Amino acid sequence: MNTSSLTLTKKIHSCVRLERDGQTLVIDPGGFAEEDAAVGADAILVTHEHPDHFDEGRLRAALEANPAARVWTLRSVAEQLLAAFPGRVHTVGHGDAFTAAGFDVQVHGELHAVIHPDIPRITNVGFLVDGSVFHPGDAFTVPGRPVDTLLLPVMAPWSKISEVIDYVREVKPRRAIDVHDALLTDLARPIYDRQIGALGGADHGRLTPGDETRL
């Protein structure tokens, strides 16, 4: 595992950029993210097919801007890109491990969280990067190993705050940084900050899109 420090840049909603040693990895540049959220990426990871996580136009822009860029994702997303970018889109699932632009990545999880019993569950995978940063996508997947930084889906139609707090307690990261937050109003943010910070058992932080932090 590369021991150089990572720089994390928060993008809108569930998208983040991780940079180290001149290489950039982007996770979930969906339709809520900035138009250029994935441009400049050497590797792109997509957790599932929902449009707030996967936007074909944003991925195409990134792949066209950098002919060396590659995508790792589950089958439902890969099938939409394979024909246009042969050899550059890799299908992964739970239990897989790979190296993407120098980042070591492990795949954890299989299903999206339950939105409603009447809505069929789709596939969802989480990505553990360099054994330290975990992005679960739209699920409360516990990777079964220590996590330094949990990218926490803080607010979604499929969750309530007690589940978010219990998820932090179960993963036991050193710190949790909010993602999946585009629908969370400014009025509600202090409530979430206070309750997750007080009850989660981990350092809890929130970044404004564009902010970066060293991990």
Protein backbone atom coordinates (compact mmCIF):
# COMPACT_ATOMS: atom_id res chain seq x y z
CA MET A 1 0.00 0.00 0.00
CA ASN A 2 1.30 3.47 -0.91
CA THR A 3 1.93 5.41 2.29
CA SER A 4 1.94 8.88 0.69
CA SER A 5 -0.81 11.12 2.04
CA LEU A 6 -4.08 11.48 0.16
CA THR A 7 -5.81 14.75 -0.59
CA LEU A 8 -9.60 14.53 -0.65
CA THR A 9 -11.64 17.19 -2.44
CA LYS A 10 -15.37 17.25 -1.75
CA LYS A 11 -17.53 17.68 -4.81
CA ILE A 12 -21.31 18.16 -4.87
CA HIS A 13 -23.42 15.38 -3.34
CA SER A 14 -21.74 11.95 -3.32
CA CYS A 15 -18.75 12.77 -5.53
CA VAL A 16 -15.21 13.03 -4.20
CA ARG A 17 -11.76 13.38 -5.76
CA LEU A 18 -8.74 11.67 -4.23
CA GLU A 19 -5.27 12.79 -5.29
CA ARG A 20 -1.84 11.40 -4.54
CA ASP A 21 1.53 11.60 -6.29
CA GLY A 22 0.04 13.33 -9.33
CA GLN A 23 -2.72 10.73 -9.81
CA THR A 24 -6.44 11.46 -9.43
CA LEU A 25 -9.27 9.07 -8.61
CA VAL A 26 -12.90 10.24 -8.72
CA ILE A 27 -15.83 8.41 -7.14
CA ASP A 28 -19.48 8.84 -8.20
CA PRO A 29 -19.50 11.86 -10.52
CA GLY A 30 -23.29 11.80 -10.84
CA GLY A 31 -25.85 14.20 -12.18
CA PHE A 32 -25.85 16.43 -9.09
CA ALA A 33 -22.06 16.88 -9.26
CA GLU A 34 -20.27 19.62 -11.14
CA GLU A 35 -20.24 19.23 -14.93
CA ASP A 36 -16.46 18.75 -14.87
CA ALA A 37 -16.38 16.68 -11.67
CA ALA A 38 -14.57 13.78 -13.35
CA VAL A 39 -12.48 15.73 -15.88
CA GLY A 40 -8.78 15.22 -15.18
CA ALA A 41 -9.33 11.89 -13.46
CA ASP A 42 -6.98 8.99 -14.15
CA ALA A 43 -9.44 6.51 -12.63
CA ILE A 44 -13.17 6.71 -11.98
CA LEU A 45 -15.20 4.48 -9.66
CA VAL A 46 -19.00 4.30 -9.81
CA THR A 47 -20.97 2.59 -7.03
CA HIS A 48 -24.30 2.10 -8.86
CA GLU A 49 -26.56 3.21 -11.67
CA HIS A 50 -28.77 5.83 -10.00
CA PRO A 51 -28.38 9.18 -11.77
CA ASP A 52 -27.12 11.07 -8.71
CA HIS A 53 -24.10 8.70 -8.77
CA PHE A 54 -23.73 7.84 -12.45
CA ASP A 55 -24.03 10.37 -15.25
CA GLU A 56 -22.99 9.07 -18.65
CA GLY A 57 -22.21 12.54 -19.99
CA ARG A 58 -19.81 13.34 -17.15
CA LEU A 59 -18.00 10.02 -17.58
CA ARG A 60 -17.75 10.43 -21.34
CA ALA A 61 -16.28 13.92 -20.89
CA ALA A 62 -13.64 12.56 -18.52
CA LEU A 63 -12.74 9.59 -20.73
CA GLU A 64 -12.50 11.78 -23.81
CA ALA A 65 -10.37 14.38 -22.00
CA ASN A 66 -7.86 11.75 -20.85
CA PRO A 67 -7.40 8.79 -23.21
CA ALA A 68 -5.55 6.94 -20.43
CA ALA A 69 -8.44 7.23 -17.94
CA ARG A 70 -10.23 4.04 -16.89
CA VAL A 71 -13.53 3.23 -15.14
CA TRP A 72 -14.24 0.52 -12.58
CA THR A 73 -17.88 -0.15 -11.79
CA LEU A 74 -20.61 -2.77 -11.56
CA ARG A 75 -22.15 -4.46 -14.58
CA SER A 76 -25.27 -2.29 -14.91
CA VAL A 77 -23.12 0.82 -15.42
CA ALA A 78 -20.31 -0.84 -17.37
CA GLU A 79 -22.73 -2.12 -20.00
CA GLN A 80 -23.66 1.46 -20.86
CA LEU A 81 -20.03 2.44 -21.58
CA LEU A 82 -18.28 -0.66 -22.91
CA ALA A 83 -19.13 -0.17 -26.58
CA ALA A 84 -17.93 3.43 -26.70
CA PHE A 85 -14.76 2.84 -24.67
CA PRO A 86 -13.53 -0.72 -25.34
CA GLY A 87 -10.85 -1.92 -22.94
CA ARG A 88 -11.26 1.08 -20.66
CA VAL A 89 -14.26 0.00 -18.56
CA HIS A 90 -13.80 -2.74 -15.96
CA THR A 91 -16.65 -4.66 -14.30
CA VAL A 92 -16.17 -5.43 -10.59
CA GLY A 93 -18.18 -6.89 -7.72
CA HIS A 94 -18.06 -7.75 -4.05
CA GLY A 95 -14.75 -9.32 -3.03
CA ASP A 96 -12.74 -7.98 -5.96
CA ALA A 97 -9.48 -6.08 -5.51
CA PHE A 98 -7.62 -4.07 -8.12
CA THR A 99 -5.19 -1.19 -8.65
CA ALA A 100 -6.50 1.95 -10.33
CA ALA A 101 -4.03 4.72 -11.21
CA GLY A 102 -1.80 3.56 -8.35
CA PHE A 103 -4.62 3.38 -5.79
CA ASP A 104 -5.32 0.00 -4.19
CA VAL A 105 -9.08 -0.63 -4.19
CA GLN A 106 -11.21 -3.32 -2.57
CA VAL A 107 -14.89 -3.83 -3.42
CA HIS A 108 -17.41 -4.40 -0.63
CA GLY A 109 -21.18 -4.79 -0.76
CA GLU A 110 -23.80 -6.08 -3.16
CA LEU A 111 -27.15 -4.30 -2.79
CA HIS A 112 -28.54 -0.78 -2.57
CA ALA A 113 -30.27 0.07 0.70
CA VAL A 114 -34.03 -0.51 0.81
CA ILE A 115 -35.89 2.55 -0.46
CA HIS A 116 -39.32 0.94 -0.06
CA PRO A 117 -40.32 -2.74 0.02
CA ASP A 118 -42.24 -2.25 -3.24
CA ILE A 119 -39.12 -1.01 -5.07
CA PRO A 120 -36.75 -3.77 -6.23
CA ARG A 121 -33.23 -3.43 -4.87
CA ILE A 122 -30.48 -2.82 -7.40
CA THR A 123 -26.81 -3.72 -7.16
CA ASN A 124 -24.54 -1.32 -5.25
CA VAL A 125 -20.88 -1.66 -4.41
CA GLY A 126 -18.66 0.24 -2.01
CA PHE A 127 -14.99 1.04 -2.59
CA LEU A 128 -12.24 0.90 0.04
CA VAL A 129 -9.31 2.95 -1.26
CA ASP A 130 -5.79 2.25 -0.01
CA GLY A 131 -7.23 0.38 2.95
CA SER A 132 -8.23 3.66 4.57
CA VAL A 133 -11.03 5.56 2.79
CA PHE A 134 -14.41 3.86 2.32
CA HIS A 135 -17.21 5.09 0.06
CA PRO A 136 -20.26 2.81 0.49
CA GLY A 137 -22.42 4.30 -2.26
CA ASP A 138 -26.09 4.02 -1.30
CA ALA A 139 -25.83 1.40 1.43
CA PHE A 140 -24.72 0.93 5.00
CA THR A 141 -22.12 -1.66 4.04
CA VAL A 142 -19.62 -2.57 6.77
CA PRO A 143 -16.34 -3.54 5.10
CA GLY A 144 -15.27 -5.85 7.93
CA ARG A 145 -11.90 -4.23 8.45
CA PRO A 146 -10.64 -1.02 10.06
CA VAL A 147 -11.48 2.19 8.20
CA ASP A 148 -9.71 5.47 8.83
CA THR A 149 -12.09 7.75 6.89
CA LEU A 150 -15.72 6.85 6.23
CA LEU A 151 -17.47 8.83 3.52
CA LEU A 152 -20.83 8.94 5.22
CA PRO A 153 -24.11 9.04 3.23
CA VAL A 154 -25.62 11.48 5.65
CA MET A 155 -29.08 12.06 4.20
CA ALA A 156 -31.09 10.08 1.66
CA PRO A 157 -34.66 9.00 0.92
CA TRP A 158 -33.64 5.51 2.05
CA SER A 159 -32.31 6.42 5.50
CA LYS A 160 -33.05 8.13 8.80
CA ILE A 161 -30.58 9.73 11.16
CA SER A 162 -30.64 6.91 13.72
CA GLU A 163 -29.46 4.53 10.99
CA VAL A 164 -26.71 6.96 9.98
CA ILE A 165 -25.50 7.19 13.57
CA ASP A 166 -25.61 3.41 14.06
CA TYR A 167 -23.67 2.96 10.81
CA VAL A 168 -20.84 5.16 12.10
CA ARG A 169 -20.85 3.19 15.35
CA GLU A 170 -20.65 -0.13 13.48
CA VAL A 171 -17.87 0.87 11.07
CA LYS A 172 -15.89 2.62 13.84
CA PRO A 173 -13.85 4.93 11.60
CA ARG A 174 -11.41 7.45 12.99
CA ARG A 175 -13.46 10.09 11.25
CA ALA A 176 -16.59 10.40 9.12
CA ILE A 177 -16.94 12.97 6.35
CA ASP A 178 -20.40 13.70 4.93
CA VAL A 179 -21.36 12.77 1.39
CA HIS A 180 -24.80 12.25 -0.17
CA ASP A 181 -25.78 15.63 1.22
CA ALA A 182 -27.17 17.64 -1.71
CA LEU A 183 -30.74 17.30 -0.43
CA LEU A 184 -29.86 18.30 3.13
CA THR A 185 -30.92 21.90 3.72
CA ASP A 186 -28.79 24.45 5.53
CA LEU A 187 -31.47 24.56 8.22
CA ALA A 188 -31.03 20.85 8.95
CA ARG A 189 -27.25 20.63 8.77
CA PRO A 190 -26.52 21.81 12.35
CA ILE A 191 -28.95 19.19 13.69
CA TYR A 192 -27.23 16.41 11.77
CA ASP A 193 -23.79 17.71 12.76
CA ARG A 194 -24.69 17.82 16.43
CA GLN A 195 -26.38 14.44 16.65
CA ILE A 196 -23.91 12.47 14.53
CA GLY A 197 -20.98 14.16 16.25
CA ALA A 198 -22.33 13.48 19.72
CA LEU A 199 -23.60 9.95 19.18
CA GLY A 200 -21.56 8.41 16.36
CA GLY A 201 -18.41 7.81 18.36
CA ALA A 202 -16.09 9.21 15.68
CA ASP A 203 -14.78 12.59 14.62
CA HIS A 204 -17.46 13.96 12.29
CA GLY A 205 -16.80 16.56 9.62
CA ARG A 206 -18.52 18.33 6.80
CA LEU A 207 -16.87 19.91 3.76
CA THR A 208 -18.31 22.47 1.38
CA PRO A 209 -18.00 21.45 -2.27
CA GLY A 210 -14.55 22.52 -3.41
CA ASP A 211 -12.99 22.16 0.03
CA GLU A 212 -10.10 19.75 0.40
CA THR A 213 -8.47 17.98 3.31
CA ARG A 214 -5.40 15.81 3.82
CA LEU A 215 -6.10 12.25 4.89
